[in-house]
Structures are given as C-alpha cells and as structure tokens.
Amino acid sequence: MQENLNEEVMQEETEEVTAEETCENCQEDADETEACACEGEEVVEEASEETSEEEKEGKGFFGKKKDKKVAALEEKVAELEDRTKRQMAEFENFRKRTEKEKSQMFETGAKSVVEKILPVIDNFERGLASIEPDNKDSFYEGMCMIHKQMLSELEKIGVTPIEAIGKEFDPNFHNAVMQVESDEFESGVIAQELQKGYMYRESVVRYSMVAVVS
C-alpha cells in the first residue's frame, strides 16, 4: 500500500518536472520565434529602404535622361524654327527682288516701244503744222483728232510730254542746244522748244531739245 503511494508521488513529480521543462522549451521556442520574426521585420524594412533608395536613384537617372532628351528636342525645334524663319525671309527677299526686276524689265520694254513711237508723233505734228490756215478743212480736223487720240492713249500708259517753254532750264529734263536773246523771258529760262521731250512714269524717255535765254 505504502509502495503504491510512493510510486504515485514520484510519478506526479516526474510529470511536473517534464511539464516545467516543456514550458521552458516552449518559452525558448517562443522567444526564438519572436526574435526571428523581429529580425525578419528589420530585414524587410532594410530591404524596403534599399529598394526605395534604388528606385529613387533609378527615377533620378531616368529623370535626368528624360530632361536631357527634352532639352535636345527643344533645341532641335528652336533650330528648325530659326531655319524656317530664315528661309521665309530669304523667300520674301527673293519675291521682292523678282518683282522689282520684272517691273524694271517691263518698264525698259515699254520705254523702248515709246521711243520708237515718238518719231511718228513728231512727223505727225510737223505735217499738221505745215498746213496753211486757209487749207484747214475736215481732213485736217480728222488728223488733229487722230493725233489727240494717240497722245491720250500714251498718257494712259504713263507717257507725258515735258513742259519746256517758259520754264527754268533743268538738265534733268532739258537738253540745251543753243542760247538766244529774249525780251519776254529772263536769263536761264527756255524760250524755244526745238524737239518735244517725253517721260514714261518717273523716268525720262527723251529729253526736250531747247533754246535757253542767255
């Protein structure tokens, strides 16, 4: 009986020791688990920080690369705009120069034609002036009308006669071929017109051949 009680007590003590050892082992396992978990969290945080820094460095690199690319494109656009403006200016200058040359060519051609017509008008006027006053019939009046029409058509294209008699001599419009004395005009004034001069627009086609008072 006594032996059975002793065996039960020893068994209970053994179970208590085993339980205590088991609890200590569990506690150690728990502590190790917690420590590993914390260490894992620290590793994860460190990895996250390293990743963030790498991402920042990566973004900075690509950002700089992108900025350089944008700057290069903007420089290229500015260069193209400048080139376009230069080409437009050159084209505008070429257009103006071409128009001026065309105008000069047209004016030169018109002056050449007018120069050939003027002798015909001179002969027309000489023929009308040679007719005696008593012989001025309807034929004479018809010729006067034709002469007037010719001058009117020339005036429409810019051909006008140069005023001479009574005007002060001007070498830009008149060609003095002789000097005369006159009681009517002062010295340096044109007294006679030997050949009528004409202008085409702003330029002289033929100078007036005149006699100037000495």
Protein backbone atom coordinates (compact mmCIF):
# COMPACT_ATOMS: atom_id res chain seq x y z
CA MET A 1 0.00 0.00 0.00
CA GLN A 2 2.77 2.35 1.04
CA GLU A 3 4.77 1.45 -2.07
CA ASN A 4 1.87 2.30 -4.32
CA LEU A 5 1.61 5.77 -2.75
CA ASN A 6 5.31 6.40 -3.17
CA GLU A 7 5.15 5.39 -6.84
CA GLU A 8 2.21 7.76 -7.46
CA VAL A 9 4.04 10.68 -5.80
CA MET A 10 7.19 10.04 -7.85
CA GLN A 11 5.14 9.81 -11.00
CA GLU A 12 3.45 13.13 -10.23
CA GLU A 13 6.81 14.81 -9.52
CA THR A 14 8.17 13.45 -12.80
CA GLU A 15 5.19 14.81 -14.70
CA GLU A 16 5.63 18.21 -13.04
CA VAL A 17 9.33 18.35 -13.98
CA THR A 18 8.52 17.28 -17.52
CA ALA A 19 5.81 19.93 -17.70
CA GLU A 20 8.21 22.58 -16.41
CA GLU A 21 10.87 21.55 -18.93
CA THR A 22 8.29 21.54 -21.65
CA CYS A 23 7.13 25.04 -20.63
CA GLU A 24 10.72 26.28 -20.60
CA ASN A 25 11.36 24.80 -24.03
CA CYS A 26 8.14 26.32 -25.33
CA GLN A 27 9.13 29.66 -23.89
CA GLU A 28 12.55 29.44 -25.50
CA ASP A 29 10.95 28.43 -28.79
CA ALA A 30 8.52 31.30 -28.48
CA ASP A 31 11.34 33.74 -27.70
CA GLU A 32 13.35 32.48 -30.64
CA THR A 33 10.29 32.74 -32.90
CA GLU A 34 9.62 36.28 -31.78
CA ALA A 35 13.26 37.17 -32.21
CA CYS A 36 13.27 35.69 -35.71
CA ALA A 37 10.08 37.50 -36.56
CA CYS A 38 11.54 40.82 -35.38
CA GLU A 39 14.74 40.16 -37.21
CA GLY A 40 12.68 39.36 -40.31
CA GLU A 41 10.80 42.60 -39.96
CA GLU A 42 14.08 44.50 -39.63
CA VAL A 43 15.45 42.75 -42.72
CA VAL A 44 12.25 43.53 -44.62
CA GLU A 45 12.43 47.18 -43.53
CA GLU A 46 16.09 47.39 -44.53
CA ALA A 47 15.29 45.77 -47.87
CA SER A 48 12.40 48.18 -48.36
CA GLU A 49 14.65 51.15 -47.60
CA GLU A 50 17.29 49.85 -50.01
CA THR A 51 14.61 49.31 -52.66
CA SER A 52 13.25 52.83 -52.14
CA GLU A 53 16.73 54.29 -52.47
CA GLU A 54 17.35 52.27 -55.62
CA GLU A 55 14.00 53.39 -57.02
CA LYS A 56 14.85 56.99 -56.21
CA GLU A 57 18.24 56.59 -57.84
CA GLY A 58 16.60 54.91 -60.82
CA LYS A 59 13.95 57.63 -61.10
CA GLY A 60 16.65 60.27 -60.81
CA PHE A 61 18.68 58.64 -63.57
CA PHE A 62 15.73 58.27 -65.92
CA GLY A 63 14.51 61.74 -64.96
CA LYS A 64 17.87 63.23 -65.87
CA LYS A 65 17.90 61.20 -69.06
CA LYS A 66 14.40 62.41 -69.87
CA ASP A 67 15.35 66.03 -69.13
CA LYS A 68 18.35 65.76 -71.46
CA LYS A 69 16.17 64.28 -74.18
CA VAL A 70 13.56 67.04 -73.78
CA ALA A 71 16.26 69.71 -73.84
CA ALA A 72 17.72 68.19 -77.01
CA LEU A 73 14.28 68.13 -78.65
CA GLU A 74 13.59 71.73 -77.64
CA GLU A 75 16.96 72.78 -79.05
CA LYS A 76 16.16 70.94 -82.30
CA VAL A 77 12.74 72.64 -82.50
CA ALA A 78 14.31 76.06 -81.92
CA GLU A 79 16.89 75.34 -84.63
CA LEU A 80 14.18 74.30 -87.10
CA GLU A 81 12.10 77.39 -86.28
CA ASP A 82 15.12 79.64 -86.83
CA ARG A 83 15.90 77.89 -90.11
CA THR A 84 12.27 78.26 -91.23
CA LYS A 85 12.26 81.97 -90.40
CA ARG A 86 15.49 82.47 -92.33
CA GLN A 87 14.12 80.60 -95.35
CA MET A 88 10.88 82.64 -95.23
CA ALA A 89 12.90 85.88 -95.07
CA GLU A 90 15.06 84.75 -97.99
CA PHE A 91 11.97 83.81 -99.98
CA GLU A 92 10.36 87.19 -99.24
CA ASN A 93 13.53 88.99 -100.35
CA PHE A 94 13.65 86.84 -103.48
CA ARG A 95 10.00 87.62 -104.23
CA LYS A 96 10.53 91.37 -103.82
CA ARG A 97 13.71 91.28 -105.90
CA THR A 98 11.95 89.29 -108.63
CA GLU A 99 9.00 91.69 -108.71
CA LYS A 100 11.38 94.65 -108.91
CA GLU A 101 13.32 93.02 -111.77
CA LYS A 102 10.09 92.21 -113.60
CA SER A 103 8.91 95.79 -113.17
CA GLN A 104 12.23 97.13 -114.44
CA MET A 105 12.14 94.78 -117.43
CA PHE A 106 8.58 95.84 -118.24
CA GLU A 107 9.50 99.49 -117.88
CA THR A 108 12.55 99.06 -120.09
CA GLY A 109 10.45 97.32 -122.75
CA ALA A 110 7.73 99.99 -122.58
CA LYS A 111 10.29 102.78 -122.86
CA SER A 112 11.79 101.08 -125.89
CA VAL A 113 8.39 100.94 -127.59
CA VAL A 114 7.60 104.56 -126.69
CA GLU A 115 10.95 105.71 -128.09
CA LYS A 116 10.00 104.14 -131.44
CA ILE A 117 6.55 105.75 -131.45
CA LEU A 118 7.76 109.27 -130.61
CA PRO A 119 9.32 109.96 -134.05
CA VAL A 120 5.97 109.03 -135.64
CA ILE A 121 4.23 111.58 -133.41
CA ASP A 122 6.90 114.17 -134.30
CA ASN A 123 6.26 113.66 -138.02
CA PHE A 124 2.52 113.79 -137.38
CA GLU A 125 2.89 117.16 -135.67
CA ARG A 126 5.22 118.51 -138.38
CA GLY A 127 2.72 117.52 -141.04
CA LEU A 128 -0.14 119.26 -139.19
CA ALA A 129 2.00 122.34 -138.57
CA SER A 130 2.88 122.63 -142.29
CA ILE A 131 -0.75 123.03 -143.34
CA GLU A 132 -1.73 126.60 -144.09
CA PRO A 133 -4.54 128.11 -142.05
CA ASP A 134 -6.66 128.55 -145.18
CA ASN A 135 -6.36 124.82 -146.02
CA LYS A 136 -7.54 123.52 -142.66
CA ASP A 137 -10.51 121.53 -143.83
CA SER A 138 -12.31 118.47 -142.47
CA PHE A 139 -9.33 116.28 -143.39
CA TYR A 140 -7.09 118.44 -141.22
CA GLU A 141 -9.56 118.24 -138.36
CA GLY A 142 -9.65 114.46 -138.69
CA MET A 143 -5.85 114.29 -138.48
CA CYS A 144 -5.93 116.51 -135.39
CA MET A 145 -8.39 114.14 -133.76
CA ILE A 146 -6.15 111.14 -134.51
CA HIS A 147 -3.13 112.97 -133.10
CA LYS A 148 -5.07 113.82 -129.96
CA GLN A 149 -6.17 110.19 -129.60
CA MET A 150 -2.58 108.96 -129.86
CA LEU A 151 -1.42 111.33 -127.14
CA SER A 152 -4.37 110.31 -124.95
CA GLU A 153 -3.53 106.61 -125.27
CA LEU A 154 0.12 107.28 -124.48
CA GLU A 155 -0.90 109.26 -121.44
CA LYS A 156 -2.97 106.29 -120.19
CA ILE A 157 0.14 104.10 -120.07
CA GLY A 158 2.15 106.84 -118.32
CA VAL A 159 3.73 108.77 -121.20
CA THR A 160 3.52 112.55 -120.72
CA PRO A 161 5.21 115.49 -122.50
CA ILE A 162 7.82 117.53 -120.64
CA GLU A 163 6.94 121.19 -120.16
CA ALA A 164 9.62 123.42 -121.59
CA ILE A 165 8.75 126.92 -122.89
CA GLY A 166 8.67 129.46 -120.06
CA LYS A 167 10.21 127.01 -117.59
CA GLU A 168 13.61 127.39 -115.98
CA PHE A 169 16.21 125.20 -117.59
CA ASP A 170 16.64 121.87 -115.78
CA PRO A 171 19.35 119.49 -117.03
CA ASN A 172 17.36 116.57 -115.60
CA PHE A 173 14.64 117.14 -118.23
CA HIS A 174 16.03 119.53 -120.83
CA ASN A 175 18.85 119.44 -123.36
CA ALA A 176 20.06 122.93 -124.25
CA VAL A 177 21.39 123.09 -127.82
CA MET A 178 21.60 126.86 -128.23
CA GLN A 179 21.30 130.20 -126.46
CA VAL A 180 19.06 133.05 -127.62
CA GLU A 181 18.21 136.55 -126.57
CA SER A 182 14.69 137.33 -125.48
CA ASP A 183 12.79 140.31 -124.15
CA GLU A 184 9.98 138.05 -122.95
CA PHE A 185 11.95 135.65 -120.74
CA GLU A 186 14.72 136.12 -118.20
CA SER A 187 18.16 134.56 -118.40
CA GLY A 188 18.18 130.80 -117.87
CA VAL A 189 14.56 130.40 -118.99
CA ILE A 190 13.64 128.27 -122.00
CA ALA A 191 12.49 130.42 -124.89
CA GLN A 192 12.10 127.82 -127.64
CA GLU A 193 11.37 124.10 -127.87
CA LEU A 194 13.09 122.52 -130.85
CA GLN A 195 12.00 118.97 -130.07
CA LYS A 196 9.41 117.89 -127.52
CA GLY A 197 10.57 115.68 -124.70
CA TYR A 198 8.58 112.89 -123.03
CA MET A 199 8.58 111.00 -119.76
CA TYR A 200 7.47 107.48 -119.03
CA ARG A 201 6.17 107.42 -115.45
CA GLU A 202 9.10 108.69 -113.35
CA SER A 203 11.89 108.41 -115.94
CA VAL A 204 12.78 110.46 -118.98
CA VAL A 205 12.25 108.75 -122.32
CA ARG A 206 13.55 111.68 -124.36
CA TYR A 207 14.95 114.99 -123.20
CA SER A 208 13.44 118.20 -124.53
CA MET A 209 15.72 119.87 -127.07
CA VAL A 210 15.51 123.57 -126.17
CA ALA A 211 16.98 127.06 -126.64
CA VAL A 212 17.76 128.90 -123.42
CA VAL A 213 17.84 132.66 -122.90
CA SER A 214 21.42 133.81 -122.36
